[in-house]
Structures are given as structure tokens and as C-alpha cells.
Amino acid sequence: ADMFANEEGGPEPDWVVTEREQFSDFRDLNKDGKMDKDEIQHWILPQDYDHALAEARHLVYESDVDKDQKLTKEEVLNNWNMFVGSQATNYGEDLTRNHDEL
């Protein structure tokens, strides 16, 4: 109710419908209408999710201007704020080291 107060007879916004579907299809694994401790743990720390790979893909997707799946030094420097704020670069610390691949 803090995020969306449904008025009687009024339609729900698309984001509410999407969240309901996400909850029923992916979060409420035992279909009891609420999330228990195991379901919350699976949601926050999914077993089949590679955080490092997801972050690397995100950095490439956001920074690869020419969409060649390779980052140039210029592409990294033009998006430096994203890289220094990323866990994948150890919050920028790894960018100060010499890298042959760059």
C-alpha cells in the first residue's frame, strides 16, 4: 500500500502486474502465497546465478558503444564512473594495474 494504493475498480499499473507475476512464477516456489526463509534465500542468493559474469556483461553492455563485444581503452575511460563503482573492478582498484588486454 505504500507503493501502490489500489482504488476500487481502478486498473493496476503494469509494474504491479509484472511484480505479481514475478512473485507467483519465480518467488513463491511452494505456492503458499508468501515467501518463507528458503524462498527469500533463493531470491537473494540464487544457486544458478553467476554474479561476476552478470556484472561483467553489464559493464560491457553499458560501455561497448560500437557493440563489437570488446572494450577499447576509450570506451572504458568514457564510462569510468561505472567501472570504479563496480565490484567487478574491485571498486576501481584493478583499473590502476597494467593490463596487456587493454
Protein backbone atom coordinates (compact mmCIF):
# COMPACT_ATOMS: atom_id res chain seq x y z
CA ALA A 1 0.00 0.00 0.00
CA ASP A 2 2.99 2.33 0.45
CA MET A 3 3.93 1.97 -3.22
CA PHE A 4 0.50 1.50 -4.78
CA ALA A 5 -2.92 2.10 -3.27
CA ASN A 6 -5.47 0.31 -5.44
CA GLU A 7 -8.58 2.38 -5.90
CA GLU A 8 -11.76 0.31 -6.17
CA GLY A 9 -12.41 -0.57 -9.77
CA GLY A 10 -9.22 1.14 -10.96
CA PRO A 11 -6.70 -0.71 -13.10
CA GLU A 12 -3.37 -1.79 -11.69
CA PRO A 13 -0.26 -0.24 -13.27
CA ASP A 14 1.82 -2.52 -15.49
CA TRP A 15 4.63 -2.69 -12.93
CA VAL A 16 2.23 -4.07 -10.30
CA VAL A 17 1.00 -6.76 -12.70
CA THR A 18 4.62 -7.65 -13.54
CA GLU A 19 5.58 -7.85 -9.86
CA ARG A 20 2.60 -10.12 -9.14
CA GLU A 21 3.66 -12.42 -11.97
CA GLN A 22 7.29 -12.45 -10.77
CA PHE A 23 6.12 -13.35 -7.28
CA SER A 24 3.79 -16.15 -8.34
CA ASP A 25 6.04 -17.58 -11.08
CA PHE A 26 9.52 -17.25 -9.54
CA ARG A 27 9.48 -16.18 -5.87
CA ASP A 28 6.69 -18.19 -4.22
CA LEU A 29 8.18 -21.60 -5.00
CA ASN A 30 5.81 -23.59 -2.77
CA LYS A 31 2.77 -21.56 -3.93
CA ASP A 32 1.52 -20.72 -0.43
CA GLY A 33 1.07 -17.00 -1.15
CA LYS A 34 4.02 -15.82 0.94
CA MET A 35 7.78 -16.12 0.96
CA ASP A 36 9.43 -18.24 3.62
CA LYS A 37 13.09 -18.15 4.68
CA ASP A 38 14.23 -20.61 1.98
CA GLU A 39 12.41 -18.71 -0.78
CA ILE A 40 13.94 -15.43 0.35
CA GLN A 41 17.41 -17.01 0.41
CA HIS A 42 16.90 -18.41 -3.11
CA TRP A 43 15.76 -14.96 -4.30
CA ILE A 44 18.69 -13.07 -2.76
CA LEU A 45 21.39 -15.69 -3.38
CA PRO A 46 20.25 -17.87 -6.29
CA GLN A 47 22.33 -21.00 -6.79
CA ASP A 48 22.39 -20.74 -10.57
CA TYR A 49 23.40 -17.08 -10.85
CA ASP A 50 26.98 -16.03 -11.54
CA HIS A 51 27.32 -12.53 -10.09
CA ALA A 52 30.74 -11.86 -11.60
CA LEU A 53 29.61 -12.88 -15.07
CA ALA A 54 26.45 -10.80 -14.78
CA GLU A 55 28.42 -7.73 -13.68
CA ALA A 56 30.98 -8.18 -16.47
CA ARG A 57 28.19 -8.48 -19.06
CA HIS A 58 26.55 -5.37 -17.63
CA LEU A 59 29.78 -3.36 -17.87
CA VAL A 60 30.37 -4.45 -21.47
CA TYR A 61 26.74 -3.83 -22.46
CA GLU A 62 26.73 -0.32 -20.99
CA SER A 63 30.19 0.70 -22.23
CA ASP A 64 30.60 -1.01 -25.60
CA VAL A 65 29.50 1.89 -27.82
CA ASP A 66 30.24 0.17 -31.14
CA LYS A 67 28.70 -3.13 -29.89
CA ASP A 68 31.64 -5.28 -31.02
CA GLN A 69 31.72 -7.13 -27.66
CA LYS A 70 35.18 -5.67 -26.97
CA LEU A 71 36.04 -2.68 -24.85
CA THR A 72 38.61 -0.19 -26.01
CA LYS A 73 40.56 1.95 -23.61
CA GLU A 74 38.47 4.91 -24.74
CA GLU A 75 35.20 3.09 -24.04
CA VAL A 76 36.38 2.26 -20.53
CA LEU A 77 37.60 5.80 -19.88
CA ASN A 78 34.38 7.31 -21.25
CA ASN A 79 32.45 5.23 -18.72
CA TRP A 80 34.99 5.33 -15.90
CA ASN A 81 32.38 6.12 -13.25
CA MET A 82 30.60 2.83 -13.95
CA PHE A 83 33.84 0.87 -13.67
CA VAL A 84 35.06 2.47 -10.46
CA GLY A 85 31.67 1.81 -8.91
CA SER A 86 31.71 -1.86 -9.89
CA GLN A 87 32.54 -4.79 -7.69
CA ALA A 88 33.98 -6.47 -10.81
CA THR A 89 36.86 -3.98 -10.81
CA ASN A 90 37.26 -4.11 -7.04
CA TYR A 91 35.64 -0.66 -7.00
CA GLY A 92 38.22 0.77 -9.39
CA GLU A 93 41.32 -0.59 -7.69
CA ASP A 94 42.01 -3.09 -10.50
CA LEU A 95 41.94 -0.28 -13.08
CA THR A 96 45.20 1.13 -11.74
CA ARG A 97 47.11 -2.05 -12.67
CA ASN A 98 48.71 -2.64 -16.07
CA HIS A 99 46.65 -4.90 -18.30
CA ASP A 100 48.00 -6.43 -21.51
CA GLU A 101 44.48 -6.99 -22.81
CA LEU A 102 43.86 -3.25 -22.94
